[in-house]
Protein backbone atom coordinates (compact mmCIF):
# COMPACT_ATOMS: atom_id res chain seq x y z
CA MET A 1 39.25 22.68 1.34
CA GLN A 2 42.42 23.89 -0.08
CA ILE A 3 44.35 22.52 -3.08
CA PRO A 4 47.22 20.30 -1.85
CA GLU A 5 50.64 22.02 -2.32
CA THR A 6 51.95 19.26 -4.57
CA TYR A 7 49.42 20.26 -7.18
CA LEU A 8 49.95 24.00 -6.78
CA GLN A 9 53.60 23.34 -7.59
CA LYS A 10 52.60 21.94 -11.00
CA ILE A 11 49.74 24.36 -11.80
CA ASN A 12 51.24 27.72 -10.70
CA PRO A 13 53.70 27.84 -13.61
CA LEU A 14 50.85 27.02 -15.99
CA VAL A 15 48.85 29.89 -14.57
CA ALA A 16 51.85 32.27 -14.81
CA HIS A 17 52.45 31.21 -18.45
CA ALA A 18 48.63 31.83 -19.15
CA ARG A 19 48.90 35.20 -17.73
CA SER A 20 52.01 36.04 -19.77
CA LEU A 21 50.28 35.00 -22.95
CA VAL A 22 47.21 37.35 -22.47
CA GLU A 23 49.61 40.14 -21.27
CA LYS A 24 51.38 39.80 -24.71
CA GLY A 25 48.11 40.24 -26.52
CA GLU A 26 47.51 36.46 -27.37
CA SER A 27 44.38 34.40 -26.82
CA LEU A 28 44.47 31.43 -24.67
CA ALA A 29 44.02 27.99 -26.49
CA ALA A 30 41.75 25.77 -24.58
CA LEU A 31 44.16 23.11 -23.16
CA ALA A 32 44.01 20.31 -20.55
CA PHE A 33 47.22 19.34 -18.78
CA ILE A 34 47.13 15.77 -17.69
CA GLY A 35 49.67 15.07 -14.96
CA SER A 36 51.16 12.26 -12.94
CA LEU A 37 53.05 13.34 -9.70
CA SER A 38 54.68 9.86 -9.35
CA LYS A 39 56.09 10.09 -12.89
CA ASP A 40 56.65 13.85 -12.68
CA GLN A 41 55.01 14.12 -16.32
CA VAL A 42 52.45 16.55 -17.75
CA ILE A 43 50.91 15.98 -21.13
CA PRO A 44 49.03 18.76 -22.85
CA VAL A 45 45.72 17.91 -24.82
CA VAL A 46 44.06 20.52 -27.02
CA LEU A 47 40.35 21.06 -26.30
CA ASP A 48 38.04 21.65 -29.25
CA ASP A 49 34.79 23.11 -27.97
CA SER A 50 33.39 24.12 -31.41
CA SER A 51 30.45 21.60 -31.24
CA ASP A 52 28.97 19.09 -28.87
CA GLU A 53 30.61 16.31 -30.93
CA SER A 54 34.06 17.90 -30.78
CA LYS A 55 33.53 18.54 -26.91
CA ASP A 56 32.71 14.89 -26.45
CA SER A 57 35.89 13.89 -28.57
CA SER A 58 38.07 16.21 -26.49
CA ALA A 59 36.79 14.69 -23.25
CA ARG A 60 37.35 11.12 -24.57
CA ALA A 61 40.99 12.24 -25.52
CA ILE A 62 41.60 13.65 -22.03
CA SER A 63 40.22 10.54 -20.32
CA MET A 64 42.47 8.15 -22.58
CA ALA A 65 45.66 10.27 -21.89
CA ALA A 66 44.78 10.32 -18.11
CA ALA A 67 44.38 6.58 -18.14
CA MET A 68 47.66 5.98 -20.14
CA LEU A 69 49.49 8.25 -17.82
CA GLU A 70 47.80 6.88 -14.70
CA ALA A 71 47.18 10.61 -14.02
CA ASP A 72 46.66 12.23 -10.60
CA PHE A 73 45.33 15.44 -11.91
CA ILE A 74 43.83 17.22 -14.92
CA PHE A 75 44.28 21.05 -15.15
CA GLN A 76 42.17 22.83 -17.77
CA VAL A 77 42.73 26.44 -18.99
CA ARG A 78 40.57 28.31 -21.43
CA GLU A 79 39.02 31.63 -22.14
CA ALA A 80 35.18 31.65 -21.64
CA TRP A 81 32.24 34.00 -20.94
CA LYS A 82 30.43 34.24 -17.68
CA LEU A 83 27.38 36.26 -16.51
CA PRO A 84 28.06 38.67 -13.79
CA THR A 85 26.20 37.60 -10.57
CA ARG A 86 23.42 40.27 -10.99
CA TYR A 87 22.42 38.50 -14.32
CA VAL A 88 22.58 34.79 -13.30
CA ALA A 89 18.89 34.72 -12.32
CA ARG A 90 18.06 35.80 -15.79
CA HIS A 91 20.22 33.09 -17.50
CA GLU A 92 17.44 31.27 -19.20
CA ALA A 93 15.90 34.47 -20.64
CA ILE A 94 19.45 35.68 -21.85
CA LEU A 95 20.01 32.28 -23.58
CA GLU A 96 16.63 32.42 -25.09
CA GLN A 97 17.05 36.10 -26.37
CA TYR A 98 20.65 35.89 -27.43
CA GLY A 99 21.45 32.18 -28.07
CA SER A 100 24.45 32.14 -25.79
CA VAL A 101 26.08 33.98 -22.88
CA GLY A 102 28.84 35.10 -25.17
CA ALA A 103 26.50 36.68 -27.75
CA SER A 104 24.73 38.75 -24.84
CA PRO A 105 25.72 42.22 -23.95
CA TYR A 106 26.14 40.89 -20.38
CA ALA A 107 28.97 38.61 -21.07
CA GLU A 108 32.12 38.88 -19.09
CA ASP A 109 35.42 37.61 -20.52
CA VAL A 110 37.07 35.35 -18.05
CA VAL A 111 39.96 32.86 -17.78
CA ALA A 112 38.33 29.68 -16.59
CA LEU A 113 40.62 27.20 -14.74
CA SER A 114 39.74 23.84 -13.36
CA LEU A 115 41.82 21.24 -11.36
CA GLU A 116 40.56 17.76 -10.99
CA THR A 117 42.58 15.63 -8.58
CA THR A 118 42.09 12.48 -6.56
CA HIS A 119 41.26 14.81 -3.71
CA GLY A 120 38.46 16.77 -5.53
CA THR A 121 37.75 19.43 -8.09
CA TRP A 122 38.58 23.15 -7.89
CA ILE A 123 37.25 25.89 -10.18
CA ALA A 124 38.37 29.53 -10.73
CA THR A 125 37.07 32.08 -13.08
CA ILE A 126 38.96 35.22 -13.21
CA PRO A 127 37.81 38.35 -15.21
CA LEU A 128 40.07 39.41 -18.02
CA LYS A 129 40.80 43.18 -17.89
CA ALA A 130 42.48 45.47 -20.50
CA LYS A 131 46.09 46.19 -19.71
CA PRO A 132 46.49 49.84 -20.76
CA PRO A 133 47.68 51.47 -22.94
CA SER A 134 47.28 48.50 -25.28
CA LYS A 135 43.87 47.63 -26.73
CA LYS A 136 45.06 43.99 -27.36
CA ARG A 137 46.78 43.21 -24.25
CA ARG A 138 44.82 41.94 -21.16
CA THR A 139 45.60 40.50 -17.80
CA PHE A 140 43.92 38.76 -14.88
CA GLY A 141 44.08 39.24 -11.15
CA PRO A 142 44.72 36.72 -8.43
CA VAL A 143 43.46 33.23 -9.00
CA VAL A 144 41.21 32.02 -6.14
CA PHE A 145 40.06 28.47 -6.49
CA GLU A 146 36.89 27.13 -5.03
CA HIS A 147 36.47 23.53 -4.03
CA MET A 148 33.43 22.33 -6.00
CA PRO A 149 32.56 18.66 -5.14
CA GLN A 150 29.14 19.06 -6.86
CA VAL A 151 30.50 20.07 -10.28
CA GLU A 152 29.31 17.97 -13.27
CA GLY A 153 29.63 17.91 -16.93
CA ARG A 154 31.51 16.21 -19.80
CA PHE A 155 35.00 17.76 -18.62
CA VAL A 156 34.98 16.49 -15.10
CA GLY A 157 35.24 12.88 -13.78
CA LEU A 158 37.88 12.07 -16.33
CA LEU A 159 40.69 10.79 -14.08
CA PRO A 160 41.11 6.91 -14.07
CA ASN A 161 39.39 5.24 -11.13
CA LYS A 162 42.46 3.91 -9.30
CA GLU A 163 40.30 1.82 -7.03
CA ASN A 164 38.67 -0.10 -9.88
CA GLU A 165 41.99 -0.55 -11.64
CA SER A 166 43.50 -2.26 -8.63
CA GLY A 167 40.65 -4.67 -8.43
CA SER A 168 39.47 -3.71 -4.98
CA LEU A 169 36.10 -2.39 -6.10
CA HIS A 170 33.79 -4.22 -8.70
């Protein structure tokens, strides 16, 4: 399943901006962009992922903003770490030995993007690569989203349930 074009029109400029920031040598702030297509509005919300409590608080802030805006989508952008495919089977052992994926020597720096819409959720993780000759500047390649209906966690399922709001389901 592909992302509907109306959402791509909203998120492609945000992806381009993220790329320009890392190419200037800046780090990406973890942000959620809550958007309403009918109101043609997008509200940014800063994500604090420094602790479980701050993650919960950020998720609540996103959910509240989405409800207030009657949002159609939530687009999240952040830098993250990912294990290369060949190490995924050893995930538990790596966590036990190093405490986190980021602390392990196997961690790969990525740009993590997620788009939650009323049509589903899509995820993309794109490796960050050095942009020579600079040691500080980086870039990332093409963004390929994968439809992930099975994704779970505190940062998904944050859109308002439009059917419940209309009173048609109880």
